[in-house]
Structure formats: structure tokens, C-alpha cells
């Protein structure tokens, strides 16, 4: 993780807040980005970020390298039935999908 003096590089702050809004837990954000979950909680508070409740959808995510990402997009079934966002994580990519909870 890149620190600028005592400050964490804003890249990591923005990524952490994006992941938080997508429904990723503080501990998972810590694991994915290598920043303390306490720091993430502080940023959420500092910037007044509120994640909307998502009772009908749940996020799932995969971490892929460039080739895996390209292969993922070659499969039509991966692109249907869920909203999706791709974000860069260092030298890898995170694909976040929202899938509707199945009633049952």
C-alpha cells in the first residue's frame, strides 16, 4: 500500500469506499486492499458515506488477472441476469455482480 507521508494514497481510500458501497464488508476490504478495516470505518465516517440497504440483491465478486477477465467476458452467461461493475485493484481486476435473492 502506498502511503504519502502519514496519509494513505487517495486511490486506496476511493477503492475502499467503492467496495463498501457495493456491500463488501470492512474485513473483506482489509483483506483485498491491505488497509486496516479500522481505517476503512474511519473513512466511511469522515466522508459520510452511506451504503444503501440491498435486501433484494447481494453482491458477489471475483478477483481476476487480465487474461481471466478477458475470458470471463467471452462467456455470454456471465453477462446476463445481474448488474456488474469492474474495478482495478492494483495489477488485478475485481468483478462485482449483484444477483437477486431467489425466493424459495
Protein backbone atom coordinates (compact mmCIF):
# COMPACT_ATOMS: atom_id res chain seq x y z
CA UNK A 1 0.00 0.00 0.00
CA UNK A 2 1.34 3.42 -0.91
CA UNK A 3 1.48 6.00 1.84
CA UNK A 4 2.13 9.65 1.17
CA UNK A 5 3.71 10.88 4.38
CA UNK A 6 1.22 9.80 7.03
CA UNK A 7 -1.69 9.83 4.61
CA UNK A 8 -2.86 6.80 2.70
CA UNK A 9 -2.84 7.30 -1.08
CA UNK A 10 -6.31 8.55 -2.09
CA UNK A 11 -6.51 5.67 -4.61
CA UNK A 12 -6.98 3.25 -1.70
CA UNK A 13 -9.48 5.49 0.07
CA UNK A 14 -11.62 5.71 -3.07
CA UNK A 15 -11.38 1.95 -3.75
CA UNK A 16 -12.27 1.14 -0.13
CA UNK A 17 -15.31 3.42 -0.23
CA UNK A 18 -16.42 1.96 -3.58
CA UNK A 19 -16.21 -1.56 -2.17
CA UNK A 20 -18.08 -0.51 0.97
CA UNK A 21 -20.91 0.94 -1.12
CA UNK A 22 -21.02 -2.28 -3.14
CA UNK A 23 -21.72 -4.20 0.07
CA UNK A 24 -18.26 -5.66 0.75
CA UNK A 25 -17.55 -5.99 4.49
CA UNK A 26 -14.86 -3.99 6.32
CA UNK A 27 -12.82 -7.16 6.94
CA UNK A 28 -13.03 -8.20 3.30
CA UNK A 29 -11.93 -4.70 2.22
CA UNK A 30 -8.98 -5.03 4.59
CA UNK A 31 -8.07 -8.37 3.02
CA UNK A 32 -8.48 -7.15 -0.56
CA UNK A 33 -6.71 -3.79 -0.30
CA UNK A 34 -4.30 -4.34 2.59
CA UNK A 35 -5.64 -1.36 4.55
CA UNK A 36 -6.89 -1.67 8.11
CA UNK A 37 -10.62 -2.23 8.49
CA UNK A 38 -10.48 0.47 11.20
CA UNK A 39 -9.14 2.92 8.60
CA UNK A 40 -12.00 1.99 6.27
CA UNK A 41 -14.55 2.56 9.06
CA UNK A 42 -12.95 5.95 9.76
CA UNK A 43 -13.12 6.94 6.07
CA UNK A 44 -16.78 5.92 5.89
CA UNK A 45 -17.47 8.16 8.89
CA UNK A 46 -15.19 11.02 7.71
CA UNK A 47 -16.76 11.22 4.26
CA UNK A 48 -20.32 10.49 5.43
CA UNK A 49 -20.68 7.52 3.10
CA UNK A 50 -23.93 5.62 3.49
CA UNK A 51 -24.39 2.29 1.76
CA UNK A 52 -28.00 1.65 0.77
CA UNK A 53 -29.63 -1.46 2.13
CA UNK A 54 -29.90 -4.08 -0.58
CA UNK A 55 -32.49 -6.56 0.66
CA UNK A 56 -33.27 -7.97 -2.80
CA UNK A 57 -29.72 -8.22 -4.13
CA UNK A 58 -26.43 -9.48 -2.81
CA UNK A 59 -23.01 -8.71 -4.22
CA UNK A 60 -20.63 -11.45 -5.27
CA UNK A 61 -17.16 -10.78 -6.53
CA UNK A 62 -14.20 -12.38 -8.22
CA UNK A 63 -10.59 -11.20 -8.40
CA UNK A 64 -9.18 -11.84 -11.87
CA UNK A 65 -6.00 -11.11 -13.77
CA UNK A 66 -6.21 -9.56 -17.25
CA UNK A 67 -6.46 -12.86 -19.14
CA UNK A 68 -9.06 -14.25 -16.73
CA UNK A 69 -11.09 -11.04 -17.11
CA UNK A 70 -10.97 -11.32 -20.91
CA UNK A 71 -12.05 -15.00 -20.68
CA UNK A 72 -14.86 -14.08 -18.26
CA UNK A 73 -16.33 -11.63 -20.78
CA UNK A 74 -16.22 -14.26 -23.55
CA UNK A 75 -18.92 -16.31 -21.76
CA UNK A 76 -22.37 -14.83 -22.55
CA UNK A 77 -23.90 -16.36 -19.42
CA UNK A 78 -21.59 -14.26 -17.24
CA UNK A 79 -23.15 -11.09 -18.62
CA UNK A 80 -26.83 -11.88 -18.04
CA UNK A 81 -29.13 -11.68 -15.04
CA UNK A 82 -27.07 -9.40 -12.82
CA UNK A 83 -25.75 -5.86 -12.67
CA UNK A 84 -21.97 -5.73 -12.87
CA UNK A 85 -19.04 -3.38 -12.31
CA UNK A 86 -15.33 -3.95 -12.93
CA UNK A 87 -12.76 -2.04 -10.93
CA UNK A 88 -8.99 -2.15 -10.98
CA UNK A 89 -7.21 -3.47 -7.88
CA UNK A 90 -3.51 -2.93 -8.38
CA UNK A 91 -2.44 -5.40 -11.10
CA UNK A 92 -5.71 -7.35 -10.89
CA UNK A 93 -9.37 -6.62 -11.52
CA UNK A 94 -12.44 -7.12 -9.35
CA UNK A 95 -15.73 -8.04 -10.98
CA UNK A 96 -18.67 -7.29 -8.69
CA UNK A 97 -22.07 -8.71 -9.64
CA UNK A 98 -25.43 -8.18 -7.97
CA UNK A 99 -27.64 -11.20 -8.00
CA UNK A 100 -31.26 -11.12 -6.96
CA UNK A 101 -32.06 -13.28 -3.94
CA UNK A 102 -34.20 -16.19 -5.01
CA UNK A 103 -37.48 -16.59 -3.18
CA UNK A 104 -37.83 -20.13 -2.03
